């Protein structure tokens, strides 16, 4: 039986000290391999194209090209590379832009080491990561701009069945497939099927974008 290859990582941050810290935290994990570091967005894109890492840990604020723009270039190029955004609370306004650009999730830079490692593995496996406390803070900040929850559902959401809409609501509340299955009294396999239908019908890349859409359309409101 052959061993699975390590998850190949690219660290993109303009602060060498932070990159060193991430390297120290992640370097001891046998299934993670840091293949390169980038000090700005342009370098991150160039290295992503050349090395095709599995996951880019992307800072948002960097010289020459910020993390949002770099993420958009990587995603638009259809590279087999997923982006995990690292942010601080004072940069919340950038997060929606990063998710719209195609990032697979976002975490705070002060995330515990174990949570960071888990998030990297999750993103590398094709899933998405939403840090609930950041999402809540972000959505609370933009709550006034969200649609009236009493208005008819947007046209886009009318393509969903009632059950699919229920699943989308639970997704937006940050529940995992297992938790949604328990809440709706269905199997986890059924939930996974519904999630797939939601993403396909709404033309979304992953569950992170589904969460953003649920809030943007008023299907779910912060604190609900």
N, C-alpha and C. Protein backbone atom coordinates (compact mmCIF):
# COMPACT_ATOMS: atom_id res chain seq x y z
N UNK A 1 0.85 -1.19 0.00
CA UNK A 1 0.00 0.00 0.00
C UNK A 1 0.89 1.25 0.00
N UNK A 2 0.72 2.13 -0.99
CA UNK A 2 1.53 3.33 -1.09
C UNK A 2 1.00 4.43 -0.19
N UNK A 3 1.91 5.23 0.36
CA UNK A 3 1.50 6.35 1.20
C UNK A 3 0.98 7.48 0.32
N UNK A 4 -0.03 8.21 0.86
CA UNK A 4 -0.53 9.36 0.14
C UNK A 4 0.52 10.46 0.16
N UNK A 5 0.59 11.21 -0.93
CA UNK A 5 1.59 12.28 -0.98
C UNK A 5 1.16 13.42 -0.05
N UNK A 6 2.14 14.17 0.47
CA UNK A 6 1.81 15.28 1.35
C UNK A 6 1.02 16.38 0.63
N UNK A 7 0.30 17.17 1.39
CA UNK A 7 -0.39 18.34 0.86
C UNK A 7 0.65 19.43 0.64
N UNK A 8 0.74 19.92 -0.59
CA UNK A 8 1.76 20.91 -0.94
C UNK A 8 1.23 22.32 -0.70
N UNK A 9 1.97 23.11 0.07
CA UNK A 9 1.51 24.43 0.50
C UNK A 9 2.39 25.54 -0.05
N UNK A 10 1.75 26.67 -0.37
CA UNK A 10 2.45 27.90 -0.70
C UNK A 10 2.04 28.94 0.34
N UNK A 11 3.02 29.54 1.01
CA UNK A 11 2.76 30.59 2.00
C UNK A 11 2.90 31.94 1.33
N UNK A 12 1.85 32.75 1.36
CA UNK A 12 1.89 34.08 0.74
C UNK A 12 1.58 35.14 1.79
N UNK A 13 2.61 35.85 2.22
CA UNK A 13 2.47 36.90 3.23
C UNK A 13 3.66 37.83 3.08
N UNK A 14 3.43 39.13 3.21
CA UNK A 14 4.52 40.08 3.00
C UNK A 14 5.40 40.25 4.24
N UNK A 15 5.04 39.57 5.35
CA UNK A 15 5.84 39.68 6.57
C UNK A 15 6.65 38.40 6.77
N UNK A 16 7.97 38.46 6.58
CA UNK A 16 8.81 37.26 6.72
C UNK A 16 8.67 36.59 8.08
N UNK A 17 8.48 37.38 9.13
CA UNK A 17 8.36 36.80 10.47
C UNK A 17 7.12 35.92 10.57
N UNK A 18 6.01 36.36 9.97
CA UNK A 18 4.79 35.56 9.99
C UNK A 18 4.97 34.28 9.18
N UNK A 19 5.63 34.40 8.03
CA UNK A 19 5.89 33.19 7.22
C UNK A 19 6.74 32.20 8.00
N UNK A 20 7.73 32.72 8.74
CA UNK A 20 8.57 31.84 9.56
C UNK A 20 7.73 31.15 10.63
N UNK A 21 6.81 31.90 11.23
CA UNK A 21 5.94 31.31 12.24
C UNK A 21 5.07 30.21 11.68
N UNK A 22 4.47 30.46 10.51
CA UNK A 22 3.65 29.43 9.88
C UNK A 22 4.49 28.21 9.51
N UNK A 23 5.71 28.46 9.05
CA UNK A 23 6.58 27.34 8.67
C UNK A 23 6.91 26.48 9.90
N UNK A 24 7.13 27.13 11.04
CA UNK A 24 7.43 26.40 12.27
C UNK A 24 6.24 25.56 12.71
N UNK A 25 5.03 26.17 12.60
CA UNK A 25 3.82 25.47 13.03
C UNK A 25 3.51 24.30 12.10
N UNK A 26 3.61 24.53 10.79
CA UNK A 26 3.17 23.53 9.83
C UNK A 26 4.26 22.53 9.45
N UNK A 27 5.52 22.92 9.64
CA UNK A 27 6.62 22.07 9.20
C UNK A 27 6.71 20.73 9.90
N UNK A 28 6.14 20.66 11.09
CA UNK A 28 6.21 19.41 11.83
C UNK A 28 5.13 18.41 11.47
N UNK A 29 4.20 18.81 10.60
CA UNK A 29 3.12 17.90 10.21
C UNK A 29 3.59 17.02 9.05
N UNK A 30 3.57 15.70 9.21
CA UNK A 30 4.13 14.81 8.18
C UNK A 30 3.36 14.85 6.86
N UNK A 31 2.09 15.28 6.90
CA UNK A 31 1.30 15.29 5.66
C UNK A 31 1.25 16.66 5.01
N UNK A 32 2.06 17.61 5.51
CA UNK A 32 2.11 18.95 4.92
C UNK A 32 3.52 19.25 4.43
N UNK A 33 3.62 19.81 3.23
CA UNK A 33 4.91 20.12 2.64
C UNK A 33 4.88 21.55 2.10
N UNK A 34 5.64 22.45 2.73
CA UNK A 34 5.70 23.85 2.28
C UNK A 34 6.68 23.91 1.12
N UNK A 35 6.15 24.16 -0.09
CA UNK A 35 7.00 24.10 -1.28
C UNK A 35 7.61 25.45 -1.64
N UNK A 36 7.01 26.54 -1.14
CA UNK A 36 7.53 27.87 -1.49
C UNK A 36 6.87 28.93 -0.63
N UNK A 37 7.50 30.13 -0.63
CA UNK A 37 6.94 31.29 0.05
C UNK A 37 6.91 32.46 -0.92
N UNK A 38 5.88 33.30 -0.79
CA UNK A 38 5.73 34.49 -1.62
C UNK A 38 5.58 35.71 -0.72
N UNK A 39 6.23 36.81 -1.11
CA UNK A 39 6.16 38.02 -0.31
C UNK A 39 5.18 39.04 -0.81
N UNK A 40 4.55 38.76 -1.96
CA UNK A 40 3.52 39.66 -2.49
C UNK A 40 2.58 38.87 -3.40
N UNK A 41 1.50 39.51 -3.83
CA UNK A 41 0.49 38.83 -4.62
C UNK A 41 0.96 38.39 -6.00
N UNK A 42 1.78 39.22 -6.63
CA UNK A 42 2.29 38.86 -7.96
C UNK A 42 3.15 37.61 -7.88
N UNK A 43 4.01 37.56 -6.87
CA UNK A 43 4.87 36.39 -6.69
C UNK A 43 4.02 35.16 -6.35
N UNK A 44 2.96 35.36 -5.57
CA UNK A 44 2.08 34.25 -5.21
C UNK A 44 1.44 33.64 -6.45
N UNK A 45 0.97 34.49 -7.36
CA UNK A 45 0.35 34.00 -8.59
C UNK A 45 1.38 33.27 -9.45
N UNK A 46 2.58 33.85 -9.58
CA UNK A 46 3.61 33.22 -10.40
C UNK A 46 3.99 31.84 -9.85
N UNK A 47 4.15 31.74 -8.54
CA UNK A 47 4.52 30.47 -7.93
C UNK A 47 3.37 29.46 -8.00
N UNK A 48 2.14 29.95 -7.87
CA UNK A 48 0.98 29.05 -7.98
C UNK A 48 0.92 28.45 -9.38
N UNK A 49 1.17 29.27 -10.39
CA UNK A 49 1.16 28.78 -11.78
C UNK A 49 2.28 27.77 -12.02
N UNK A 50 3.45 28.05 -11.47
CA UNK A 50 4.62 27.22 -11.76
C UNK A 50 4.65 25.93 -10.94
N UNK A 51 4.28 26.03 -9.67
CA UNK A 51 4.42 24.88 -8.77
C UNK A 51 3.13 24.10 -8.55
N UNK A 52 1.98 24.72 -8.84
CA UNK A 52 0.67 24.09 -8.63
C UNK A 52 0.54 23.45 -7.25
N UNK A 53 0.70 24.27 -6.19
CA UNK A 53 0.51 23.73 -4.84
C UNK A 53 -0.96 23.33 -4.65
N UNK A 54 -1.22 22.49 -3.68
CA UNK A 54 -2.61 22.11 -3.39
C UNK A 54 -3.37 23.26 -2.75
N UNK A 55 -2.70 23.97 -1.84
CA UNK A 55 -3.34 25.05 -1.08
C UNK A 55 -2.38 26.23 -0.98
N UNK A 56 -2.93 27.43 -1.18
CA UNK A 56 -2.19 28.66 -0.91
C UNK A 56 -2.75 29.28 0.36
N UNK A 57 -1.88 29.51 1.36
CA UNK A 57 -2.28 30.30 2.52
C UNK A 57 -2.02 31.75 2.15
N UNK A 58 -3.09 32.51 1.93
CA UNK A 58 -3.00 33.83 1.30
C UNK A 58 -3.35 34.94 2.28
N UNK A 59 -2.38 35.83 2.51
CA UNK A 59 -2.66 37.05 3.25
C UNK A 59 -3.47 37.98 2.34
N UNK A 60 -4.28 38.85 2.93
CA UNK A 60 -5.09 39.75 2.11
C UNK A 60 -4.32 40.98 1.69
N UNK A 61 -3.64 41.61 2.63
CA UNK A 61 -2.93 42.86 2.31
C UNK A 61 -1.47 42.57 1.99
N UNK A 62 -1.13 42.72 0.70
CA UNK A 62 0.25 42.52 0.26
C UNK A 62 0.58 43.53 -0.81
N UNK A 63 1.86 43.86 -0.99
CA UNK A 63 2.24 44.82 -2.04
C UNK A 63 2.09 44.24 -3.45
N UNK A 64 2.08 45.14 -4.41
CA UNK A 64 1.98 44.85 -5.86
C UNK A 64 0.62 44.27 -6.26
N UNK A 65 0.12 43.29 -5.55
CA UNK A 65 -1.20 42.72 -5.81
C UNK A 65 -1.73 42.16 -4.50
N UNK A 66 -2.92 42.60 -4.10
CA UNK A 66 -3.43 42.11 -2.82
C UNK A 66 -3.95 40.68 -2.95
N UNK A 67 -4.30 40.09 -1.79
CA UNK A 67 -4.71 38.69 -1.78
C UNK A 67 -6.00 38.42 -2.52
N UNK A 68 -6.91 39.40 -2.54
CA UNK A 68 -8.18 39.23 -3.26
C UNK A 68 -7.91 39.12 -4.75
N UNK A 69 -7.11 40.06 -5.28
CA UNK A 69 -6.80 40.04 -6.71
C UNK A 69 -6.02 38.78 -7.08
N UNK A 70 -5.07 38.40 -6.23
CA UNK A 70 -4.27 37.19 -6.51
C UNK A 70 -5.16 35.95 -6.52
N UNK A 71 -6.09 35.89 -5.58
CA UNK A 71 -7.03 34.76 -5.55
C UNK A 71 -7.85 34.70 -6.82
N UNK A 72 -8.33 35.86 -7.27
CA UNK A 72 -9.15 35.91 -8.48
C UNK A 72 -8.37 35.42 -9.69
N UNK A 73 -7.11 35.82 -9.81
CA UNK A 73 -6.28 35.39 -10.94
C UNK A 73 -6.09 33.87 -10.91
N UNK A 74 -5.79 33.34 -9.74
CA UNK A 74 -5.57 31.89 -9.60
C UNK A 74 -6.82 31.11 -9.95
N UNK A 75 -7.97 31.56 -9.44
CA UNK A 75 -9.24 30.86 -9.70
C UNK A 75 -9.65 30.99 -11.16
N UNK A 76 -9.54 32.20 -11.72
CA UNK A 76 -9.93 32.42 -13.12
C UNK A 76 -9.06 31.61 -14.08
N UNK A 77 -7.84 31.34 -13.68
CA UNK A 77 -6.94 30.54 -14.53
C UNK A 77 -7.25 29.05 -14.45
N UNK A 78 -8.22 28.71 -13.58
CA UNK A 78 -8.65 27.32 -13.41
C UNK A 78 -7.48 26.40 -13.02
N UNK A 79 -6.60 26.94 -12.20
CA UNK A 79 -5.50 26.11 -11.69
C UNK A 79 -6.06 25.15 -10.64
N UNK A 80 -5.47 23.96 -10.52
CA UNK A 80 -5.91 23.00 -9.50
C UNK A 80 -5.35 23.38 -8.13
N UNK A 81 -5.62 24.62 -7.74
CA UNK A 81 -5.06 25.20 -6.53
C UNK A 81 -6.19 25.84 -5.74
N UNK A 82 -6.24 25.57 -4.44
CA UNK A 82 -7.27 26.16 -3.61
C UNK A 82 -6.64 27.19 -2.68
N UNK A 83 -7.42 28.24 -2.39
CA UNK A 83 -6.89 29.37 -1.61
C UNK A 83 -7.59 29.46 -0.27
N UNK A 84 -6.79 29.53 0.79
CA UNK A 84 -7.31 29.73 2.14
C UNK A 84 -6.81 31.09 2.61
N UNK A 85 -7.74 32.02 2.80
CA UNK A 85 -7.41 33.39 3.17
C UNK A 85 -7.15 33.48 4.67
N UNK A 86 -6.10 34.21 5.03
CA UNK A 86 -5.82 34.51 6.43
C UNK A 86 -6.01 36.01 6.63
N UNK A 87 -6.80 36.38 7.63
CA UNK A 87 -7.14 37.78 7.80
C UNK A 87 -7.12 38.17 9.27
N UNK A 88 -7.24 39.45 9.52
CA UNK A 88 -7.39 39.98 10.87
C UNK A 88 -8.72 40.71 10.93
N UNK A 89 -9.26 40.88 12.12
CA UNK A 89 -10.60 41.45 12.25
C UNK A 89 -10.70 42.85 11.63
N UNK A 90 -9.61 43.60 11.63
CA UNK A 90 -9.70 44.95 11.08
C UNK A 90 -9.71 44.95 9.55
N UNK A 91 -9.63 43.77 8.93
CA UNK A 91 -9.68 43.68 7.48
C UNK A 91 -10.94 42.97 7.00
N UNK A 92 -11.98 42.92 7.85
CA UNK A 92 -13.18 42.19 7.49
C UNK A 92 -13.78 42.59 6.15
N UNK A 93 -13.64 43.88 5.80
CA UNK A 93 -14.29 44.35 4.57
C UNK A 93 -13.72 43.67 3.33
N UNK A 94 -12.56 43.05 3.46
CA UNK A 94 -11.96 42.39 2.31
C UNK A 94 -12.48 40.96 2.11
N UNK A 95 -13.09 40.40 3.16
CA UNK A 95 -13.37 38.97 3.13
C UNK A 95 -14.42 38.61 2.08
N UNK A 96 -15.52 39.36 1.98
CA UNK A 96 -16.53 39.06 0.98
C UNK A 96 -15.92 39.10 -0.42
N UNK A 97 -15.06 40.08 -0.67
CA UNK A 97 -14.38 40.15 -1.96
C UNK A 97 -13.55 38.92 -2.23
N UNK A 98 -12.88 38.43 -1.19
CA UNK A 98 -12.05 37.22 -1.35
C UNK A 98 -12.90 36.01 -1.65
N UNK A 99 -14.04 35.89 -0.98
CA UNK A 99 -14.91 34.74 -1.22
C UNK A 99 -15.53 34.82 -2.61
N UNK A 100 -15.93 36.02 -3.02
CA UNK A 100 -16.47 36.17 -4.38
C UNK A 100 -15.41 35.84 -5.42
N UNK A 101 -14.15 36.10 -5.08
CA UNK A 101 -13.06 35.82 -6.02
C UNK A 101 -12.80 34.33 -6.14
N UNK A 102 -13.35 33.53 -5.21
CA UNK A 102 -13.20 32.08 -5.32
C UNK A 102 -12.38 31.43 -4.23
N UNK A 103 -12.08 32.17 -3.15
CA UNK A 103 -11.35 31.56 -2.04
C UNK A 103 -12.18 30.43 -1.43
N UNK A 104 -11.48 29.43 -0.93
CA UNK A 104 -12.17 28.28 -0.35
C UNK A 104 -12.45 28.44 1.14
N UNK A 105 -12.10 29.59 1.68
CA UNK A 105 -12.40 29.84 3.08
C UNK A 105 -11.52 30.92 3.65
N UNK A 106 -11.76 31.24 4.91
CA UNK A 106 -10.94 32.24 5.56
C UNK A 106 -10.86 31.98 7.05
N UNK A 107 -9.70 32.31 7.61
CA UNK A 107 -9.43 32.14 9.03
C UNK A 107 -8.75 33.39 9.56
N UNK A 108 -8.85 33.58 10.88
CA UNK A 108 -8.10 34.66 11.52
C UNK A 108 -6.64 34.24 11.64
N UNK A 109 -5.74 35.23 11.58
CA UNK A 109 -4.31 34.92 11.69
C UNK A 109 -3.95 34.37 13.06
N UNK A 110 -4.80 34.63 14.06
CA UNK A 110 -4.49 34.11 15.40
C UNK A 110 -5.15 32.76 15.66
N UNK A 111 -5.56 32.09 14.60
CA UNK A 111 -6.21 30.78 14.74
C UNK A 111 -5.26 29.80 15.46
N UNK A 112 -5.79 28.97 16.35
CA UNK A 112 -4.94 27.95 16.98
C UNK A 112 -4.30 27.05 15.94
N UNK A 113 -3.09 26.60 16.24
CA UNK A 113 -2.33 25.80 15.27
C UNK A 113 -3.10 24.57 14.81
N UNK A 114 -3.74 23.88 15.73
CA UNK A 114 -4.49 22.67 15.36
C UNK A 114 -5.62 22.99 14.39
N UNK A 115 -6.30 24.12 14.62
CA UNK A 115 -7.40 24.51 13.75
C UNK A 115 -6.89 24.87 12.35
N UNK A 116 -5.73 25.51 12.30
CA UNK A 116 -5.14 25.86 11.00
C UNK A 116 -4.80 24.60 10.21
N UNK A 117 -4.18 23.64 10.86
CA UNK A 117 -3.82 22.38 10.20
C UNK A 117 -5.08 21.66 9.70
N UNK A 118 -6.10 21.61 10.54
CA UNK A 118 -7.36 20.96 10.15
C UNK A 118 -7.98 21.67 8.95
N UNK A 119 -7.95 23.01 8.96
CA UNK A 119 -8.52 23.78 7.86
C UNK A 119 -7.79 23.51 6.55
N UNK A 120 -6.48 23.43 6.61
CA UNK A 120 -5.68 23.15 5.41
C UNK A 120 -6.06 21.78 4.85
N UNK A 121 -6.16 20.79 5.71
CA UNK A 121 -6.53 19.45 5.25
C UNK A 121 -7.93 19.44 4.66
N UNK A 122 -8.84 20.19 5.27
CA UNK A 122 -10.22 20.26 4.78
C UNK A 122 -10.28 20.88 3.40
N UNK A 123 -9.58 22.00 3.23
CA UNK A 123 -9.58 22.69 1.94
C UNK A 123 -8.91 21.83 0.87
N UNK A 124 -7.80 21.17 1.23
CA UNK A 124 -7.10 20.31 0.27
C UNK A 124 -7.98 19.15 -0.19
N UNK A 125 -8.90 18.74 0.68
CA UNK A 125 -9.79 17.62 0.34
C UNK A 125 -10.98 18.07 -0.52
N UNK A 126 -11.03 19.37 -0.85
CA UNK A 126 -12.08 19.86 -1.72
C UNK A 126 -13.25 20.49 -1.00
N UNK A 127 -13.19 20.56 0.33
CA UNK A 127 -14.24 21.20 1.10
C UNK A 127 -13.88 22.66 1.31
N UNK A 128 -14.75 23.37 2.03
CA UNK A 128 -14.52 24.78 2.29
C UNK A 128 -14.57 25.03 3.79
N UNK A 129 -13.91 26.07 4.22
CA UNK A 129 -13.82 26.39 5.64
C UNK A 129 -14.40 27.78 5.90
N UNK A 130 -15.32 27.85 6.82
CA UNK A 130 -15.87 29.13 7.26
C UNK A 130 -15.63 29.24 8.75
N UNK A 131 -14.85 30.23 9.17
CA UNK A 131 -14.63 30.43 10.59
C UNK A 131 -15.86 31.14 11.16
N UNK A 132 -16.67 30.46 11.97
CA UNK A 132 -17.95 31.03 12.41
C UNK A 132 -17.85 32.39 13.07
N UNK A 133 -16.83 32.59 13.93
CA UNK A 133 -16.78 33.87 14.64
C UNK A 133 -16.45 35.03 13.69
N UNK A 134 -15.64 34.75 12.66
CA UNK A 134 -15.33 35.80 11.68
C UNK A 134 -16.55 36.06 10.82
N UNK A 135 -17.23 34.99 10.41
CA UNK A 135 -18.42 35.14 9.58
C UNK A 135 -19.48 35.97 10.30
N UNK A 136 -19.70 35.68 11.57
CA UNK A 136 -20.71 36.42 12.33
C UNK A 136 -20.33 37.89 12.42
N UNK A 137 -19.07 38.18 12.73
CA UNK A 137 -18.62 39.57 12.84
C UNK A 137 -18.78 40.29 11.51
N UNK A 138 -18.41 39.60 10.44
CA UNK A 138 -18.51 40.18 9.10
C UNK A 138 -19.96 40.49 8.74
N UNK A 139 -20.84 39.52 8.96
CA UNK A 139 -22.23 39.70 8.57
C UNK A 139 -22.95 40.70 9.46
N UNK A 140 -22.60 40.76 10.73
CA UNK A 140 -23.16 41.79 11.60
C UNK A 140 -22.78 43.17 11.09
N UNK A 141 -21.57 43.29 10.62
CA UNK A 141 -21.07 44.57 10.13
C UNK A 141 -21.86 45.06 8.91
N UNK A 142 -22.24 44.10 8.06
CA UNK A 142 -22.94 44.47 6.83
C UNK A 142 -24.45 44.21 6.90
N UNK A 143 -24.97 43.99 8.12
CA UNK A 143 -26.38 43.61 8.27
C UNK A 143 -27.33 44.64 7.66
N UNK A 144 -27.01 45.91 7.81
CA UNK A 144 -27.92 46.95 7.32
C UNK A 144 -28.07 46.93 5.81
N UNK A 145 -27.10 46.35 5.12
CA UNK A 145 -27.16 46.32 3.65
C UNK A 145 -27.85 45.08 3.12
N UNK A 146 -28.23 44.16 4.02
CA UNK A 146 -28.86 42.93 3.58
C UNK A 146 -30.33 43.14 3.25
N UNK A 147 -30.91 42.31 2.39
CA UNK A 147 -32.30 42.49 1.98
C UNK A 147 -33.28 42.27 3.13
N UNK A 148 -34.49 42.75 2.93
CA UNK A 148 -35.57 42.57 3.89
C UNK A 148 -35.93 41.08 3.98
N UNK A 149 -35.85 40.49 5.17
CA UNK A 149 -36.13 39.06 5.28
C UNK A 149 -37.58 38.71 4.98
N UNK A 150 -38.48 39.69 5.03
CA UNK A 150 -39.89 39.42 4.75
C UNK A 150 -40.23 39.52 3.26
N UNK A 151 -39.25 39.93 2.45
CA UNK A 151 -39.49 40.03 1.01
C UNK A 151 -39.54 38.64 0.39
N UNK A 152 -40.19 38.49 -0.78
CA UNK A 152 -40.23 37.19 -1.45
C UNK A 152 -38.81 36.71 -1.73
N UNK A 153 -38.59 35.41 -1.75
CA UNK A 153 -37.24 34.91 -2.01
C UNK A 153 -36.74 35.35 -3.38
N UNK A 154 -35.47 35.68 -3.50
CA UNK A 154 -34.92 36.09 -4.79
C UNK A 154 -35.13 35.00 -5.84
N UNK A 155 -35.19 35.43 -7.07
CA UNK A 155 -35.48 34.51 -8.17
C UNK A 155 -34.50 33.34 -8.19
N UNK A 156 -33.24 33.59 -7.92
CA UNK A 156 -32.23 32.53 -7.96
C UNK A 156 -32.57 31.38 -7.02
N UNK A 157 -33.11 31.72 -5.85
CA UNK A 157 -33.38 30.68 -4.85
C UNK A 157 -34.64 29.89 -5.17
N UNK A 158 -35.44 30.36 -6.10
CA UNK A 158 -36.68 29.65 -6.43
C UNK A 158 -36.41 28.35 -7.18
N UNK A 159 -35.18 28.17 -7.64
CA UNK A 159 -34.85 26.91 -8.32
C UNK A 159 -34.64 25.78 -7.31
N UNK A 160 -34.54 26.13 -6.03
CA UNK A 160 -34.31 25.12 -5.01
C UNK A 160 -35.62 24.52 -4.51
N UNK A 161 -35.58 23.26 -4.15
CA UNK A 161 -36.73 22.64 -3.49
C UNK A 161 -36.78 23.14 -2.05
N UNK A 162 -37.88 22.90 -1.36
CA UNK A 162 -37.98 23.32 0.04
C UNK A 162 -36.88 22.70 0.89
N UNK A 163 -36.60 21.41 0.65
CA UNK A 163 -35.57 20.73 1.42
C UNK A 163 -34.19 21.31 1.13
N UNK A 164 -33.92 21.61 -0.13
CA UNK A 164 -32.63 22.19 -0.49
C UNK A 164 -32.46 23.56 0.15
N UNK A 165 -33.56 24.30 0.23
CA UNK A 165 -33.49 25.62 0.88
C UNK A 165 -33.22 25.45 2.38
N UNK A 166 -33.83 24.43 2.98
CA UNK A 166 -33.57 24.15 4.40
C UNK A 166 -32.09 23.83 4.63
N UNK A 167 -31.54 23.04 3.72
CA UNK A 167 -30.13 22.67 3.82
C UNK A 167 -29.25 23.92 3.68
N UNK A 168 -29.60 24.81 2.77
CA UNK A 168 -28.84 26.04 2.58
C UNK A 168 -28.88 26.90 3.84
N UNK A 169 -30.02 26.97 4.49
CA UNK A 169 -30.15 27.73 5.74
C UNK A 169 -29.20 27.16 6.79
N UNK A 170 -29.17 25.84 6.91
CA UNK A 170 -28.30 25.20 7.91
C UNK A 170 -26.82 25.40 7.56
N UNK A 171 -26.51 25.36 6.26
CA UNK A 171 -25.15 25.65 5.82
C UNK A 171 -24.73 27.04 6.28
N UNK A 172 -25.63 28.00 6.08
CA UNK A 172 -25.33 29.39 6.40
C UNK A 172 -25.13 29.60 7.90
N UNK A 173 -25.66 28.70 8.68
CA UNK A 173 -25.48 28.79 10.14
C UNK A 173 -24.20 28.10 10.59
N UNK A 174 -23.42 27.61 9.62
CA UNK A 174 -22.12 27.04 9.93
C UNK A 174 -22.13 25.58 10.32
N UNK A 175 -23.23 24.88 10.07
CA UNK A 175 -23.32 23.47 10.45
C UNK A 175 -22.59 22.58 9.45
N UNK A 176 -21.99 21.52 9.96
CA UNK A 176 -21.36 20.51 9.11
C UNK A 176 -22.44 19.60 8.53
N UNK A 177 -22.06 18.75 7.57
CA UNK A 177 -23.03 17.81 7.00
C UNK A 177 -23.64 16.92 8.07
N UNK A 178 -22.81 16.46 9.01
CA UNK A 178 -23.31 15.59 10.07
C UNK A 178 -24.32 16.32 10.95
N UNK A 179 -24.04 17.57 11.25
CA UNK A 179 -24.94 18.37 12.09
C UNK A 179 -26.24 18.68 11.37
N UNK A 180 -26.15 18.94 10.07
CA UNK A 180 -27.37 19.19 9.28
C UNK A 180 -28.23 17.93 9.24
N UNK A 181 -27.58 16.78 9.06
CA UNK A 181 -28.30 15.51 9.02
C UNK A 181 -29.08 15.29 10.32
N UNK A 182 -28.44 15.60 11.43
CA UNK A 182 -29.10 15.44 12.72
C UNK A 182 -30.26 16.42 12.88
N UNK A 183 -30.04 17.67 12.45
CA UNK A 183 -31.08 18.70 12.59
C UNK A 183 -32.31 18.39 11.74
N UNK A 184 -32.09 17.80 10.55
CA UNK A 184 -33.19 17.54 9.62
C UNK A 184 -33.66 16.09 9.65
N UNK A 185 -33.05 15.28 10.53
CA UNK A 185 -33.42 13.86 10.66
C UNK A 185 -33.32 13.10 9.35
N UNK A 186 -32.20 13.31 8.66
CA UNK A 186 -31.93 12.57 7.42
C UNK A 186 -30.50 12.04 7.52
N UNK A 187 -30.09 11.23 6.56
CA UNK A 187 -28.73 10.67 6.58
C UNK A 187 -27.72 11.71 6.08
N UNK A 188 -26.48 11.51 6.47
CA UNK A 188 -25.44 12.42 6.03
C UNK A 188 -25.25 12.34 4.52
N UNK A 189 -25.43 11.15 3.95
CA UNK A 189 -25.34 10.99 2.49
C UNK A 189 -26.40 11.82 1.78
N UNK A 190 -27.60 11.84 2.35
CA UNK A 190 -28.68 12.64 1.77
C UNK A 190 -28.33 14.13 1.81
N UNK A 191 -27.76 14.56 2.92
CA UNK A 191 -27.36 15.96 3.05
C UNK A 191 -26.31 16.30 1.99
N UNK A 192 -25.33 15.42 1.83
CA UNK A 192 -24.27 15.66 0.85
C UNK A 192 -24.87 15.79 -0.56
N UNK A 193 -25.87 14.99 -0.85
CA UNK A 193 -26.55 15.06 -2.15
C UNK A 193 -27.26 16.40 -2.30
N UNK A 194 -27.98 16.83 -1.25
CA UNK A 194 -28.68 18.12 -1.30
C UNK A 194 -27.70 19.28 -1.47
N UNK A 195 -26.58 19.23 -0.74
CA UNK A 195 -25.58 20.29 -0.87
C UNK A 195 -25.07 20.36 -2.31
N UNK A 196 -24.82 19.21 -2.90
CA UNK A 196 -24.38 19.18 -4.29
C UNK A 196 -25.40 19.80 -5.23
N UNK A 197 -26.69 19.51 -5.00
CA UNK A 197 -27.75 20.09 -5.83
C UNK A 197 -27.81 21.60 -5.66
N UNK A 198 -27.67 22.07 -4.41
CA UNK A 198 -27.70 23.51 -4.15
C UNK A 198 -26.58 24.22 -4.91
N UNK A 199 -25.38 23.68 -4.82
CA UNK A 199 -24.24 24.30 -5.49
C UNK A 199 -24.42 24.30 -7.00
N UNK A 200 -24.89 23.18 -7.54
CA UNK A 200 -25.07 23.08 -9.00
C UNK A 200 -26.15 24.03 -9.49
N UNK A 201 -27.30 24.04 -8.83
CA UNK A 201 -28.42 24.87 -9.26
C UNK A 201 -28.11 26.37 -9.18
N UNK A 202 -27.33 26.74 -8.16
CA UNK A 202 -27.04 28.17 -7.97
C UNK A 202 -25.72 28.58 -8.61
N UNK A 203 -25.04 27.63 -9.23
CA UNK A 203 -23.79 27.94 -9.93
C UNK A 203 -22.68 28.38 -8.99
N UNK A 204 -22.60 27.73 -7.83
CA UNK A 204 -21.63 28.11 -6.82
C UNK A 204 -20.46 27.13 -6.79
N UNK A 205 -19.30 27.63 -6.41
CA UNK A 205 -18.08 26.81 -6.42
C UNK A 205 -18.02 25.88 -5.23
N UNK A 206 -18.43 26.36 -4.05
CA UNK A 206 -18.36 25.54 -2.85
C UNK A 206 -19.29 26.09 -1.79
N UNK A 207 -19.29 25.47 -0.62
CA UNK A 207 -20.24 25.83 0.42
C UNK A 207 -19.97 27.20 1.02
N UNK A 208 -18.73 27.69 0.93
CA UNK A 208 -18.45 29.04 1.41
C UNK A 208 -19.25 30.06 0.61
N UNK A 209 -19.23 29.92 -0.70
CA UNK A 209 -20.00 30.84 -1.53
C UNK A 209 -21.49 30.67 -1.29
N UNK A 210 -21.93 29.47 -0.94
CA UNK A 210 -23.34 29.25 -0.61
C UNK A 210 -23.72 30.02 0.64
N UNK A 211 -22.83 30.03 1.63
CA UNK A 211 -23.08 30.78 2.86
C UNK A 211 -23.23 32.27 2.56
N UNK A 212 -22.30 32.82 1.78
CA UNK A 212 -22.35 34.24 1.44
C UNK A 212 -23.65 34.57 0.71
N UNK A 213 -24.03 33.72 -0.26
CA UNK A 213 -25.26 33.96 -1.02
C UNK A 213 -26.48 33.93 -0.10
N UNK A 214 -26.51 33.00 0.85
CA UNK A 214 -27.66 32.90 1.75
C UNK A 214 -27.86 34.19 2.53
N UNK A 215 -26.77 34.82 2.94
CA UNK A 215 -26.88 36.08 3.67
C UNK A 215 -27.16 37.25 2.74
N UNK A 216 -26.49 37.26 1.58
CA UNK A 216 -26.69 38.37 0.64
C UNK A 216 -28.13 38.44 0.15
N UNK A 217 -28.79 37.29 0.01
CA UNK A 217 -30.17 37.27 -0.48
C UNK A 217 -31.19 37.43 0.64
N UNK A 218 -30.71 37.47 1.89
CA UNK A 218 -31.65 37.63 3.00
C UNK A 218 -32.30 36.35 3.44
N UNK A 219 -31.90 35.19 2.90
CA UNK A 219 -32.46 33.91 3.31
C UNK A 219 -32.18 33.69 4.80
N UNK A 220 -31.01 34.12 5.23
CA UNK A 220 -30.63 34.04 6.63
C UNK A 220 -30.09 35.40 7.05
N UNK A 221 -30.41 35.79 8.27
CA UNK A 221 -29.93 37.05 8.79
C UNK A 221 -28.94 36.80 9.92
N UNK A 222 -27.99 37.69 10.14
CA UNK A 222 -27.05 37.52 11.26
C UNK A 222 -27.81 37.35 12.57
N UNK A 223 -27.40 36.35 13.35
CA UNK A 223 -28.01 36.11 14.64
C UNK A 223 -29.26 35.26 14.61
N UNK A 224 -29.73 34.90 13.38
CA UNK A 224 -30.95 34.10 13.29
C UNK A 224 -30.66 32.62 13.47
